C-alpha atoms as a PDB file:
ATOM      1  CA  UNK A   1      70.221 -53.785 -14.868  1.00  0.00           C
ATOM      2  CA  UNK A   2      70.205 -56.542 -12.199  1.00  0.00           C
ATOM      3  CA  UNK A   3      69.117 -53.966  -9.632  1.00  0.00           C
ATOM      4  CA  UNK A   4      66.138 -53.016 -11.790  1.00  0.00           C
ATOM      5  CA  UNK A   5      65.223 -56.690 -12.239  1.00  0.00           C
ATOM      6  CA  UNK A   6      65.331 -57.213  -8.462  1.00  0.00           C
ATOM      7  CA  UNK A   7      63.202 -54.135  -7.848  1.00  0.00           C
ATOM      8  CA  UNK A   8      60.657 -55.252 -10.438  1.00  0.00           C
ATOM      9  CA  UNK A   9      60.345 -58.712  -8.869  1.00  0.00           C
ATOM     10  CA  UNK A  10      59.911 -57.155  -5.424  1.00  0.00           C
ATOM     11  CA  UNK A  11      57.163 -54.814  -6.589  1.00  0.00           C
ATOM     12  CA  UNK A  12      55.461 -57.630  -8.522  1.00  0.00           C
ATOM     13  CA  UNK A  13      55.223 -59.713  -5.361  1.00  0.00           C
ATOM     14  CA  UNK A  14      53.802 -56.711  -3.515  1.00  0.00           C
ATOM     15  CA  UNK A  15      51.271 -56.237  -6.304  1.00  0.00           C
ATOM     16  CA  UNK A  16      50.095 -59.827  -6.064  1.00  0.00           C
ATOM     17  CA  UNK A  17      49.419 -59.398  -2.340  1.00  0.00           C
ATOM     18  CA  UNK A  18      47.625 -56.081  -2.791  1.00  0.00           C
ATOM     19  CA  UNK A  19      45.416 -57.202  -5.664  1.00  0.00           C
ATOM     20  CA  UNK A  20      44.679 -60.785  -4.678  1.00  0.00           C
ATOM     21  CA  UNK A  21      41.313 -59.908  -3.213  1.00  0.00           C
ATOM     22  CA  UNK A  22      40.227 -57.353  -5.792  1.00  0.00           C
ATOM     23  CA  UNK A  23      37.237 -57.852  -8.059  1.00  0.00           C
ATOM     24  CA  UNK A  24      35.850 -55.743 -10.883  1.00  0.00           C
ATOM     25  CA  UNK A  25      33.523 -52.993  -9.717  1.00  0.00           C
ATOM     26  CA  UNK A  26      30.058 -53.290 -11.181  1.00  0.00           C
ATOM     27  CA  UNK A  27      28.451 -50.266 -12.780  1.00  0.00           C
ATOM     28  CA  UNK A  28      25.198 -48.928 -11.408  1.00  0.00           C
ATOM     29  CA  UNK A  29      24.079 -48.565 -15.034  1.00  0.00           C
ATOM     30  CA  UNK A  30      24.763 -52.172 -16.007  1.00  0.00           C
ATOM     31  CA  UNK A  31      21.039 -52.970 -16.033  1.00  0.00           C
ATOM     32  CA  UNK A  32      18.001 -50.876 -16.865  1.00  0.00           C
ATOM     33  CA  UNK A  33      14.942 -50.022 -14.805  1.00  0.00           C
ATOM     34  CA  UNK A  34      11.296 -50.410 -15.761  1.00  0.00           C
ATOM     35  CA  UNK A  35      10.837 -46.712 -16.596  1.00  0.00           C
ATOM     36  CA  UNK A  36       9.707 -45.428 -19.985  1.00  0.00           C
ATOM     37  CA  UNK A  37      12.992 -43.581 -20.539  1.00  0.00           C
ATOM     38  CA  UNK A  38      14.799 -44.140 -23.821  1.00  0.00           C
ATOM     39  CA  UNK A  39      17.746 -46.500 -23.352  1.00  0.00           C
ATOM     40  CA  UNK A  40      21.067 -45.297 -24.765  1.00  0.00           C
ATOM     41  CA  UNK A  41      24.226 -47.409 -24.678  1.00  0.00           C
ATOM     42  CA  UNK A  42      27.757 -46.041 -24.446  1.00  0.00           C
ATOM     43  CA  UNK A  43      31.169 -47.653 -24.221  1.00  0.00           C
ATOM     44  CA  UNK A  44      32.921 -45.716 -21.436  1.00  0.00           C
ATOM     45  CA  UNK A  45      31.902 -43.776 -18.330  1.00  0.00           C
ATOM     46  CA  UNK A  46      32.752 -40.241 -19.585  1.00  0.00           C
ATOM     47  CA  UNK A  47      30.266 -40.728 -22.423  1.00  0.00           C
ATOM     48  CA  UNK A  48      27.552 -41.284 -19.834  1.00  0.00           C
ATOM     49  CA  UNK A  49      28.000 -37.683 -18.725  1.00  0.00           C
ATOM     50  CA  UNK A  50      27.982 -36.436 -22.320  1.00  0.00           C
ATOM     51  CA  UNK A  51      24.641 -38.148 -23.008  1.00  0.00           C
ATOM     52  CA  UNK A  52      23.039 -37.174 -19.704  1.00  0.00           C
ATOM     53  CA  UNK A  53      24.114 -33.538 -20.007  1.00  0.00           C
ATOM     54  CA  UNK A  54      22.174 -33.333 -23.288  1.00  0.00           C
ATOM     55  CA  UNK A  55      19.197 -35.612 -22.650  1.00  0.00           C
ATOM     56  CA  UNK A  56      18.718 -35.382 -18.895  1.00  0.00           C
ATOM     57  CA  UNK A  57      16.001 -37.646 -17.510  1.00  0.00           C
ATOM     58  CA  UNK A  58      14.667 -38.454 -20.972  1.00  0.00           C
ATOM     59  CA  UNK A  59      17.178 -41.274 -21.325  1.00  0.00           C
ATOM     60  CA  UNK A  60      18.645 -44.071 -19.267  1.00  0.00           C
ATOM     61  CA  UNK A  61      22.308 -44.774 -20.035  1.00  0.00           C
ATOM     62  CA  UNK A  62      23.876 -48.229 -20.079  1.00  0.00           C
ATOM     63  CA  UNK A  63      27.691 -48.168 -19.872  1.00  0.00           C
ATOM     64  CA  UNK A  64      29.481 -51.138 -21.401  1.00  0.00           C
ATOM     65  CA  UNK A  65      32.802 -50.690 -19.530  1.00  0.00           C
ATOM     66  CA  UNK A  66      32.059 -50.090 -15.817  1.00  0.00           C
ATOM     67  CA  UNK A  67      34.196 -48.012 -13.447  1.00  0.00           C
ATOM     68  CA  UNK A  68      37.483 -49.709 -12.595  1.00  0.00           C
ATOM     69  CA  UNK A  69      37.582 -51.783 -15.797  1.00  0.00           C
ATOM     70  CA  UNK A  70      39.703 -51.265 -18.899  1.00  0.00           C
ATOM     71  CA  UNK A  71      38.123 -50.639 -22.324  1.00  0.00           C
ATOM     72  CA  UNK A  72      41.097 -52.520 -23.782  1.00  0.00           C
ATOM     73  CA  UNK A  73      40.260 -55.820 -22.097  1.00  0.00           C
ATOM     74  CA  UNK A  74      36.709 -55.757 -20.682  1.00  0.00           C
ATOM     75  CA  UNK A  75      34.063 -58.249 -21.768  1.00  0.00           C
ATOM     76  CA  UNK A  76      30.392 -57.256 -21.228  1.00  0.00           C
ATOM     77  CA  UNK A  77      28.272 -59.321 -18.844  1.00  0.00           C
ATOM     78  CA  UNK A  78      25.075 -61.102 -19.928  1.00  0.00           C
ATOM     79  CA  UNK A  79      22.993 -58.532 -18.013  1.00  0.00           C
ATOM     80  CA  UNK A  80      24.656 -55.707 -19.937  1.00  0.00           C
ATOM     81  CA  UNK A  81      23.971 -57.393 -23.262  1.00  0.00           C
ATOM     82  CA  UNK A  82      20.346 -57.882 -22.235  1.00  0.00           C
ATOM     83  CA  UNK A  83      20.061 -54.186 -21.383  1.00  0.00           C
ATOM     84  CA  UNK A  84      21.724 -53.130 -24.642  1.00  0.00           C
ATOM     85  CA  UNK A  85      19.326 -55.309 -26.607  1.00  0.00           C
ATOM     86  CA  UNK A  86      16.630 -52.773 -25.594  1.00  0.00           C
ATOM     87  CA  UNK A  87      18.630 -49.660 -26.512  1.00  0.00           C
ATOM     88  CA  UNK A  88      17.405 -47.287 -29.225  1.00  0.00           C
ATOM     89  CA  UNK A  89      20.876 -45.804 -29.690  1.00  0.00           C
ATOM     90  CA  UNK A  90      24.481 -46.737 -29.021  1.00  0.00           C
ATOM     91  CA  UNK A  91      27.168 -44.023 -28.919  1.00  0.00           C
ATOM     92  CA  UNK A  92      30.451 -45.745 -29.683  1.00  0.00           C
ATOM     93  CA  UNK A  93      33.741 -43.911 -29.129  1.00  0.00           C
ATOM     94  CA  UNK A  94      34.651 -44.989 -32.656  1.00  0.00           C
ATOM     95  CA  UNK A  95      38.404 -44.528 -32.361  1.00  0.00           C
ATOM     96  CA  UNK A  96      39.360 -48.185 -32.119  1.00  0.00           C
ATOM     97  CA  UNK A  97      39.076 -49.113 -28.432  1.00  0.00           C
ATOM     98  CA  UNK A  98      39.299 -52.871 -28.089  1.00  0.00           C
ATOM     99  CA  UNK A  99      35.915 -53.509 -26.505  1.00  0.00           C
ATOM    100  CA  UNK A 100      34.188 -51.910 -29.505  1.00  0.00           C
ATOM    101  CA  UNK A 101      36.329 -53.746 -32.032  1.00  0.00           C
ATOM    102  CA  UNK A 102      35.344 -57.042 -30.443  1.00  0.00           C
ATOM    103  CA  UNK A 103      31.713 -56.347 -29.506  1.00  0.00           C
ATOM    104  CA  UNK A 104      30.031 -53.985 -31.978  1.00  0.00           C
ATOM    105  CA  UNK A 105      29.126 -56.670 -34.518  1.00  0.00           C
ATOM    106  CA  UNK A 106      27.625 -58.763 -31.729  1.00  0.00           C
ATOM    107  CA  UNK A 107      25.629 -55.800 -30.454  1.00  0.00           C
ATOM    108  CA  UNK A 108      24.210 -54.955 -33.871  1.00  0.00           C
ATOM    109  CA  UNK A 109      23.279 -58.609 -34.398  1.00  0.00           C
ATOM    110  CA  UNK A 110      21.558 -58.539 -31.006  1.00  0.00           C
ATOM    111  CA  UNK A 111      19.742 -55.266 -31.704  1.00  0.00           C
ATOM    112  CA  UNK A 112      19.593 -54.522 -35.428  1.00  0.00           C
ATOM    113  CA  UNK A 113      17.224 -51.544 -34.959  1.00  0.00           C
ATOM    114  CA  UNK A 114      19.613 -49.694 -32.657  1.00  0.00           C
ATOM    115  CA  UNK A 115      21.033 -46.427 -34.049  1.00  0.00           C
ATOM    116  CA  UNK A 116      24.838 -46.475 -33.997  1.00  0.00           C
ATOM    117  CA  UNK A 117      26.497 -43.094 -33.433  1.00  0.00           C
ATOM    118  CA  UNK A 118      30.226 -42.814 -34.123  1.00  0.00           C
ATOM    119  CA  UNK A 119      31.466 -40.180 -31.670  1.00  0.00           C
ATOM    120  CA  UNK A 120      34.827 -39.949 -33.441  1.00  0.00           C
ATOM    121  CA  UNK A 121      33.303 -38.700 -36.699  1.00  0.00           C
ATOM    122  CA  UNK A 122      34.983 -35.379 -37.474  1.00  0.00           C
ATOM    123  CA  UNK A 123      37.992 -36.023 -35.211  1.00  0.00           C
ATOM    124  CA  UNK A 124      41.471 -36.576 -36.674  1.00  0.00           C
ATOM    125  CA  UNK A 125      42.963 -39.697 -35.108  1.00  0.00           C
ATOM    126  CA  UNK A 126      46.645 -39.498 -34.181  1.00  0.00           C
ATOM    127  CA  UNK A 127      49.290 -42.188 -34.191  1.00  0.00           C
ATOM    128  CA  UNK A 128      49.856 -43.817 -30.816  1.00  0.00           C
ATOM    129  CA  UNK A 129      53.632 -43.347 -30.966  1.00  0.00           C
ATOM    130  CA  UNK A 130      55.921 -40.686 -32.347  1.00  0.00           C
ATOM    131  CA  UNK A 131      59.588 -41.496 -32.830  1.00  0.00           C
ATOM    132  CA  UNK A 132      62.412 -39.730 -31.047  1.00  0.00           C
ATOM    133  CA  UNK A 133      64.986 -38.613 -33.624  1.00  0.00           C
ATOM    134  CA  UNK A 134      67.260 -36.672 -31.303  1.00  0.00           C
ATOM    135  CA  UNK A 135      70.088 -39.200 -31.640  1.00  0.00           C
ATOM    136  CA  UNK A 136      69.907 -40.400 -35.233  1.00  0.00           C
ATOM    137  CA  UNK A 137      73.645 -41.113 -35.253  1.00  0.00           C
ATOM    138  CA  UNK A 138      73.147 -44.113 -32.968  1.00  0.00           C
ATOM    139  CA  UNK A 139      73.441 -47.624 -34.335  1.00  0.00           C
ATOM    140  CA  UNK A 140      70.416 -49.673 -35.401  1.00  0.00           C
ATOM    141  CA  UNK A 141      69.757 -51.071 -31.923  1.00  0.00           C
ATOM    142  CA  UNK A 142      69.898 -47.639 -30.324  1.00  0.00           C
ATOM    143  CA  UNK A 143      67.601 -46.256 -33.024  1.00  0.00           C
ATOM    144  CA  UNK A 144      65.111 -49.036 -32.351  1.00  0.00           C
ATOM    145  CA  UNK A 145      65.140 -48.240 -28.633  1.00  0.00           C
ATOM    146  CA  UNK A 146      64.679 -44.550 -29.323  1.00  0.00           C
ATOM    147  CA  UNK A 147      61.799 -45.263 -31.650  1.00  0.00           C
ATOM    148  CA  UNK A 148      60.099 -47.163 -28.874  1.00  0.00           C
ATOM    149  CA  UNK A 149      61.406 -44.901 -26.119  1.00  0.00           C
ATOM    150  CA  UNK A 150      57.929 -43.979 -25.165  1.00  0.00           C
ATOM    151  CA  UNK A 151      57.773 -40.354 -26.303  1.00  0.00           C
ATOM    152  CA  UNK A 152      54.343 -39.621 -27.651  1.00  0.00           C
ATOM    153  CA  UNK A 153      54.035 -36.026 -28.701  1.00  0.00           C
ATOM    154  CA  UNK A 154      50.795 -37.124 -30.381  1.00  0.00           C
ATOM    155  CA  UNK A 155      51.154 -34.869 -33.394  1.00  0.00           C
ATOM    156  CA  UNK A 156      48.780 -35.694 -36.216  1.00  0.00           C
ATOM    157  CA  UNK A 157      49.856 -36.832 -39.665  1.00  0.00           C
ATOM    158  CA  UNK A 158      51.428 -34.056 -41.717  1.00  0.00           C
ATOM    159  CA  UNK A 159      49.931 -33.140 -45.091  1.00  0.00           C
ATOM    160  CA  UNK A 160      52.734 -34.789 -47.063  1.00  0.00           C
ATOM    161  CA  UNK A 161      52.183 -38.072 -45.266  1.00  0.00           C
ATOM    162  CA  UNK A 162      48.424 -37.853 -45.830  1.00  0.00           C
ATOM    163  CA  UNK A 163      48.934 -37.210 -49.557  1.00  0.00           C
ATOM    164  CA  UNK A 164      51.200 -40.237 -49.780  1.00  0.00           C
ATOM    165  CA  UNK A 165      48.608 -42.361 -47.967  1.00  0.00           C
ATOM    166  CA  UNK A 166      45.896 -41.258 -50.375  1.00  0.00           C
ATOM    167  CA  UNK A 167      48.025 -42.584 -53.249  1.00  0.00           C
ATOM    168  CA  UNK A 168      47.886 -46.045 -51.701  1.00  0.00           C
ATOM    169  CA  UNK A 169      44.187 -46.676 -51.164  1.00  0.00           C
ATOM    170  CA  UNK A 170      44.667 -50.419 -51.024  1.00  0.00           C
ATOM    171  CA  UNK A 171      46.984 -50.036 -48.054  1.00  0.00           C
ATOM    172  CA  UNK A 172      44.489 -47.717 -46.384  1.00  0.00           C
ATOM    173  CA  UNK A 173      41.798 -50.365 -46.649  1.00  0.00           C
ATOM    174  CA  UNK A 174      44.004 -52.797 -44.754  1.00  0.00           C
ATOM    175  CA  UNK A 175      44.905 -50.242 -42.056  1.00  0.00           C
ATOM    176  CA  UNK A 176      43.408 -50.860 -38.634  1.00  0.00           C
ATOM    177  CA  UNK A 177      43.394 -48.957 -35.363  1.00  0.00           C
ATOM    178  CA  UNK A 178      46.374 -50.735 -33.804  1.00  0.00           C
ATOM    179  CA  UNK A 179      48.723 -47.827 -34.531  1.00  0.00           C
ATOM    180  CA  UNK A 180      46.205 -45.109 -33.683  1.00  0.00           C
ATOM    181  CA  UNK A 181      45.509 -43.544 -30.301  1.00  0.00           C
ATOM    182  CA  UNK A 182      41.901 -44.331 -29.286  1.00  0.00           C
ATOM    183  CA  UNK A 183      41.777 -41.979 -26.246  1.00  0.00           C
ATOM    184  CA  UNK A 184      40.100 -39.091 -28.069  1.00  0.00           C
ATOM    185  CA  UNK A 185      37.984 -38.015 -25.060  1.00  0.00           C
ATOM    186  CA  UNK A 186      41.012 -36.813 -23.038  1.00  0.00           C
ATOM    187  CA  UNK A 187      41.018 -33.474 -24.876  1.00  0.00           C
ATOM    188  CA  UNK A 188      38.052 -31.079 -24.475  1.00  0.00           C
ATOM    189  CA  UNK A 189      38.162 -29.935 -28.100  1.00  0.00           C
ATOM    190  CA  UNK A 190      37.523 -33.530 -29.165  1.00  0.00           C
ATOM    191  CA  UNK A 191      34.720 -33.863 -26.631  1.00  0.00           C
ATOM    192  CA  UNK A 192      32.974 -30.898 -28.230  1.00  0.00           C
ATOM    193  CA  UNK A 193      32.827 -32.926 -31.467  1.00  0.00           C
ATOM    194  CA  UNK A 194      31.682 -36.041 -29.595  1.00  0.00           C
ATOM    195  CA  UNK A 195      28.881 -34.053 -27.949  1.00  0.00           C
ATOM    196  CA  UNK A 196      27.698 -32.729 -31.316  1.00  0.00           C
ATOM    197  CA  UNK A 197      27.562 -36.284 -32.695  1.00  0.00           C
ATOM    198  CA  UNK A 198      25.635 -37.529 -29.656  1.00  0.00           C
ATOM    199  CA  UNK A 199      23.194 -34.624 -29.948  1.00  0.00           C
ATOM    200  CA  UNK A 200      22.458 -35.450 -33.578  1.00  0.00           C
ATOM    201  CA  UNK A 201      21.812 -39.076 -32.674  1.00  0.00           C
ATOM    202  CA  UNK A 202      19.475 -38.164 -29.818  1.00  0.00           C
ATOM    203  CA  UNK A 203      17.456 -35.872 -32.090  1.00  0.00           C
ATOM    204  CA  UNK A 204      17.152 -38.673 -34.633  1.00  0.00           C
ATOM    205  CA  UNK A 205      15.669 -41.128 -32.118  1.00  0.00           C
ATOM    206  CA  UNK A 206      13.682 -38.515 -30.147  1.00  0.00           C
ATOM    207  CA  UNK A 207      12.836 -35.535 -32.387  1.00  0.00           C
ATOM    208  CA  UNK A 208      10.079 -34.331 -30.064  1.00  0.00           C
ATOM    209  CA  UNK A 209      12.680 -33.134 -27.567  1.00  0.00           C
ATOM    210  CA  UNK A 210      15.000 -31.433 -30.060  1.00  0.00           C
ATOM    211  CA  UNK A 211      14.639 -27.968 -28.508  1.00  0.00           C
ATOM    212  CA  UNK A 212      15.507 -29.269 -25.057  1.00  0.00           C
ATOM    213  CA  UNK A 213      18.463 -31.225 -26.384  1.00  0.00           C
ATOM    214  CA  UNK A 214      19.739 -28.222 -28.334  1.00  0.00           C
ATOM    215  CA  UNK A 215      19.617 -25.942 -25.291  1.00  0.00           C
ATOM    216  CA  UNK A 216      21.306 -28.539 -23.085  1.00  0.00           C
ATOM    217  CA  UNK A 217      23.968 -29.251 -25.691  1.00  0.00           C
ATOM    218  CA  UNK A 218      24.847 -25.569 -26.056  1.00  0.00           C
ATOM    219  CA  UNK A 219      25.034 -25.170 -22.282  1.00  0.00           C
ATOM    220  CA  UNK A 220      27.422 -28.112 -21.994  1.00  0.00           C
ATOM    221  CA  UNK A 221      29.563 -26.867 -24.879  1.00  0.00           C
ATOM    222  CA  UNK A 222      29.901 -23.587 -22.969  1.00  0.00           C
ATOM    223  CA  UNK A 223      31.092 -25.551 -19.928  1.00  0.00           C
ATOM    224  CA  UNK A 224      33.666 -27.354 -22.078  1.00  0.00           C
ATOM    225  CA  UNK A 225      34.918 -24.066 -23.518  1.00  0.00           C
ATOM    226  CA  UNK A 226      35.294 -22.691 -19.992  1.00  0.00           C
ATOM    227  CA  UNK A 227      37.193 -25.845 -18.995  1.00  0.00           C
ATOM    228  CA  UNK A 228      39.531 -25.423 -21.966  1.00  0.00           C
ATOM    229  CA  UNK A 229      40.268 -21.826 -20.952  1.00  0.00           C
ATOM    230  CA  UNK A 230      40.875 -22.922 -17.371  1.00  0.00           C
ATOM    231  CA  UNK A 231      43.371 -25.603 -18.432  1.00  0.00           C
ATOM    232  CA  UNK A 232      45.108 -23.164 -20.776  1.00  0.00           C
ATOM    233  CA  UNK A 233      45.601 -20.878 -17.780  1.00  0.00           C
ATOM    234  CA  UNK A 234      46.835 -23.742 -15.570  1.00  0.00           C
ATOM    235  CA  UNK A 235      49.430 -24.768 -18.177  1.00  0.00           C
ATOM    236  CA  UNK A 236      50.402 -21.272 -19.290  1.00  0.00           C
ATOM    237  CA  UNK A 237      54.099 -21.057 -20.139  1.00  0.00           C
ATOM    238  CA  UNK A 238      54.560 -24.849 -20.050  1.00  0.00           C
ATOM    239  CA  UNK A 239      54.474 -25.472 -23.813  1.00  0.00           C
ATOM    240  CA  UNK A 240      57.095 -28.037 -24.851  1.00  0.00           C
ATOM    241  CA  UNK A 241      57.345 -29.577 -21.370  1.00  0.00           C
ATOM    242  CA  UNK A 242      57.084 -33.341 -20.836  1.00  0.00           C
ATOM    243  CA  UNK A 243      55.110 -35.560 -18.479  1.00  0.00           C
ATOM    244  CA  UNK A 244      55.502 -39.302 -17.961  1.00  0.00           C
ATOM    245  CA  UNK A 245      52.559 -41.698 -17.904  1.00  0.00           C
ATOM    246  CA  UNK A 246      52.429 -45.448 -17.577  1.00  0.00           C
ATOM    247  CA  UNK A 247      49.592 -46.018 -20.045  1.00  0.00           C
ATOM    248  CA  UNK A 248      49.600 -43.643 -23.069  1.00  0.00           C
ATOM    249  CA  UNK A 249      46.068 -42.313 -22.603  1.00  0.00           C
ATOM    250  CA  UNK A 250      46.862 -38.589 -22.719  1.00  0.00           C
ATOM    251  CA  UNK A 251      48.247 -38.023 -26.195  1.00  0.00           C
ATOM    252  CA  UNK A 252      45.358 -35.858 -27.426  1.00  0.00           C
ATOM    253  CA  UNK A 253      45.540 -33.774 -24.247  1.00  0.00           C
ATOM    254  CA  UNK A 254      49.280 -33.337 -24.765  1.00  0.00           C
ATOM    255  CA  UNK A 255      48.857 -32.367 -28.395  1.00  0.00           C
ATOM    256  CA  UNK A 256      46.105 -29.837 -27.663  1.00  0.00           C
ATOM    257  CA  UNK A 257      48.112 -28.064 -24.958  1.00  0.00           C
ATOM    258  CA  UNK A 258      51.546 -28.267 -26.587  1.00  0.00           C
ATOM    259  CA  UNK A 259      53.015 -30.862 -24.215  1.00  0.00           C
ATOM    260  CA  UNK A 260      54.963 -34.101 -24.738  1.00  0.00           C
ATOM    261  CA  UNK A 261      53.621 -37.372 -23.380  1.00  0.00           C
ATOM    262  CA  UNK A 262      56.330 -39.854 -22.365  1.00  0.00           C
ATOM    263  CA  UNK A 263      54.765 -43.317 -21.983  1.00  0.00           C
ATOM    264  CA  UNK A 264      56.138 -46.457 -20.368  1.00  0.00           C
ATOM    265  CA  UNK A 265      53.810 -48.852 -22.187  1.00  0.00           C
ATOM    266  CA  UNK A 266      53.789 -49.354 -25.921  1.00  0.00           C
ATOM    267  CA  UNK A 267      50.515 -50.646 -27.406  1.00  0.00           C
ATOM    268  CA  UNK A 268      49.403 -51.785 -23.966  1.00  0.00           C
ATOM    269  CA  UNK A 269      52.388 -54.074 -23.391  1.00  0.00           C
ATOM    270  CA  UNK A 270      54.237 -54.264 -20.092  1.00  0.00           C
ATOM    271  CA  UNK A 271      57.830 -52.987 -20.332  1.00  0.00           C
ATOM    272  CA  UNK A 272      60.742 -55.398 -20.274  1.00  0.00           C
ATOM    273  CA  UNK A 273      63.722 -54.786 -17.998  1.00  0.00           C
ATOM    274  CA  UNK A 274      65.544 -53.278 -20.993  1.00  0.00           C
ATOM    275  CA  UNK A 275      62.555 -51.043 -21.741  1.00  0.00           C
ATOM    276  CA  UNK A 276      62.431 -49.887 -18.139  1.00  0.00           C
ATOM    277  CA  UNK A 277      66.105 -48.940 -18.248  1.00  0.00           C
ATOM    278  CA  UNK A 278      65.433 -46.878 -21.369  1.00  0.00           C
ATOM    279  CA  UNK A 279      62.578 -45.106 -19.578  1.00  0.00           C
ATOM    280  CA  UNK A 280      64.740 -44.456 -16.518  1.00  0.00           C
ATOM    281  CA  UNK A 281      67.518 -43.004 -18.684  1.00  0.00           C
ATOM    282  CA  UNK A 282      65.027 -40.802 -20.513  1.00  0.00           C
ATOM    283  CA  UNK A 283      63.426 -39.604 -17.268  1.00  0.00           C
ATOM    284  CA  UNK A 284      66.817 -38.718 -15.829  1.00  0.00           C
ATOM    285  CA  UNK A 285      67.757 -36.917 -19.024  1.00  0.00           C
ATOM    286  CA  UNK A 286      64.604 -34.797 -18.951  1.00  0.00           C
ATOM    287  CA  UNK A 287      64.466 -34.353 -15.190  1.00  0.00           C
ATOM    288  CA  UNK A 288      61.109 -36.124 -14.837  1.00  0.00           C
ATOM    289  CA  UNK A 289      60.226 -36.958 -11.243  1.00  0.00           C
ATOM    290  CA  UNK A 290      56.552 -37.989 -11.487  1.00  0.00           C
ATOM    291  CA  UNK A 291      55.000 -41.044 -13.170  1.00  0.00           C
ATOM    292  CA  UNK A 292      51.255 -40.794 -13.691  1.00  0.00           C
ATOM    293  CA  UNK A 293      49.267 -44.029 -13.549  1.00  0.00           C
ATOM    294  CA  UNK A 294      45.613 -44.823 -14.139  1.00  0.00           C
ATOM    295  CA  UNK A 295      43.510 -45.055 -10.995  1.00  0.00           C
ATOM    296  CA  UNK A 296      42.678 -48.599  -9.951  1.00  0.00           C
ATOM    297  CA  UNK A 297      45.364 -50.313 -12.016  1.00  0.00           C
ATOM    298  CA  UNK A 298      48.655 -51.935 -11.036  1.00  0.00           C
ATOM    299  CA  UNK A 299      51.506 -49.552 -10.214  1.00  0.00           C
ATOM    300  CA  UNK A 300      54.161 -52.267  -9.897  1.00  0.00           C
ATOM    301  CA  UNK A 301      56.436 -51.258 -12.784  1.00  0.00           C
ATOM    302  CA  UNK A 302      55.766 -47.555 -12.223  1.00  0.00           C
ATOM    303  CA  UNK A 303      56.870 -47.868  -8.586  1.00  0.00           C
ATOM    304  CA  UNK A 304      60.053 -49.638  -9.691  1.00  0.00           C
ATOM    305  CA  UNK A 305      60.869 -46.864 -12.149  1.00  0.00           C
ATOM    306  CA  UNK A 306      60.025 -44.154  -9.607  1.00  0.00           C
ATOM    307  CA  UNK A 307      62.437 -45.672  -7.104  1.00  0.00           C
ATOM    308  CA  UNK A 308      65.219 -45.449  -9.680  1.00  0.00           C
ATOM    309  CA  UNK A 309      64.620 -41.796 -10.559  1.00  0.00           C
ATOM    310  CA  UNK A 310      63.946 -40.702  -6.976  1.00  0.00           C
ATOM    311  CA  UNK A 311      60.431 -39.821  -8.083  1.00  0.00           C
ATOM    312  CA  UNK A 312      56.834 -40.530  -7.152  1.00  0.00           C
ATOM    313  CA  UNK A 313      53.764 -42.236  -8.613  1.00  0.00           C
ATOM    314  CA  UNK A 314      50.576 -40.167  -8.924  1.00  0.00           C
ATOM    315  CA  UNK A 315      47.168 -41.569  -9.865  1.00  0.00           C
ATOM    316  CA  UNK A 316      44.938 -39.876 -12.449  1.00  0.00           C
ATOM    317  CA  UNK A 317      41.796 -41.182 -14.120  1.00  0.00           C
ATOM    318  CA  UNK A 318      41.013 -40.821 -17.841  1.00  0.00           C
ATOM    319  CA  UNK A 319      37.695 -42.632 -17.333  1.00  0.00           C
ATOM    320  CA  UNK A 320      36.046 -40.622 -14.552  1.00  0.00           C
ATOM    321  CA  UNK A 321      32.371 -39.720 -14.999  1.00  0.00           C
ATOM    322  CA  UNK A 322      32.608 -36.119 -13.757  1.00  0.00           C
ATOM    323  CA  UNK A 323      34.491 -35.140 -16.884  1.00  0.00           C
ATOM    324  CA  UNK A 324      34.927 -31.390 -16.397  1.00  0.00           C
ATOM    325  CA  UNK A 325      35.963 -31.461 -12.743  1.00  0.00           C
ATOM    326  CA  UNK A 326      38.216 -34.470 -13.338  1.00  0.00           C
ATOM    327  CA  UNK A 327      40.057 -32.992 -16.329  1.00  0.00           C
ATOM    328  CA  UNK A 328      40.685 -29.744 -14.455  1.00  0.00           C
ATOM    329  CA  UNK A 329      42.255 -31.761 -11.613  1.00  0.00           C
ATOM    330  CA  UNK A 330      44.318 -33.814 -14.076  1.00  0.00           C
ATOM    331  CA  UNK A 331      45.661 -30.608 -15.631  1.00  0.00           C
ATOM    332  CA  UNK A 332      46.701 -29.348 -12.190  1.00  0.00           C
ATOM    333  CA  UNK A 333      48.458 -32.665 -11.494  1.00  0.00           C
ATOM    334  CA  UNK A 334      50.268 -32.553 -14.840  1.00  0.00           C
ATOM    335  CA  UNK A 335      51.376 -28.971 -14.207  1.00  0.00           C
ATOM    336  CA  UNK A 336      53.136 -30.080 -11.029  1.00  0.00           C
ATOM    337  CA  UNK A 337      54.778 -33.045 -12.791  1.00  0.00           C
ATOM    338  CA  UNK A 338      56.001 -31.332 -15.955  1.00  0.00           C
ATOM    339  CA  UNK A 339      59.693 -31.280 -16.769  1.00  0.00           C
END
């Protein structure tokens, strides 16, 4: 345990040196031009591709969370808010990402005529964490550690659980997104639903171009279907395998392709020394040798864990704009890191 603490402190000091001069990257779509294009706002970079694939040059997209920033902590700049005040439509992810929870009321107050499209409509949201019940004979402390041992198989609620929830409507009304996984865009089947919702919104604000939007939407859906087939081929025979990530952004991907996501973080919180030991033990048990981290973010704790399991840290990006090419590359990286 002391060795892990020493390693963590060492990597933290390295991280301070490496990141001391870093600043947030500004998005090229933070402001709008003087063209007559319809302005459409979105929350994250992948959505920019979804909108542009359907609408082409008919719209200008403003992205709230620029490249290199986190949708769980980012605060929009004044120039972004000014641009969004001119938007005719805003496509929110809708699954409970923090920036939307904190900003959507402000945006609608700023621009009450803006059409709000919920991209998550029609998608079943999954719980962020699933509990590991392999060792139920352990004492209460061990059970607690297993329950937070970072396995996220991202299976949806079963029917019995849903029926029980429906019997407690009052509790449902108080339920928020804190226990749900907001990263719906990491699975192409969910993106197909998101694209349909965006298409319907675009037709509502610009009905004159419906035929163009319909043709473009269908073409992009075909690309997504081809991507899905490609990933299925890449991961063929790997069902039930596990991959380790620092931030639990890939639960929907894991669920769709029959994999298990093992996450270091829980609800965005940095692991304690005790948590890190639990992760190390779990990685050794499963034979995991790769820890995937999000591009552009600190790898301090991940490097410390990797050193203990004789593994490596690999960067992947759940927020890249080139969605199809990026997800294909992520699938190839996961295939090499599965255990």
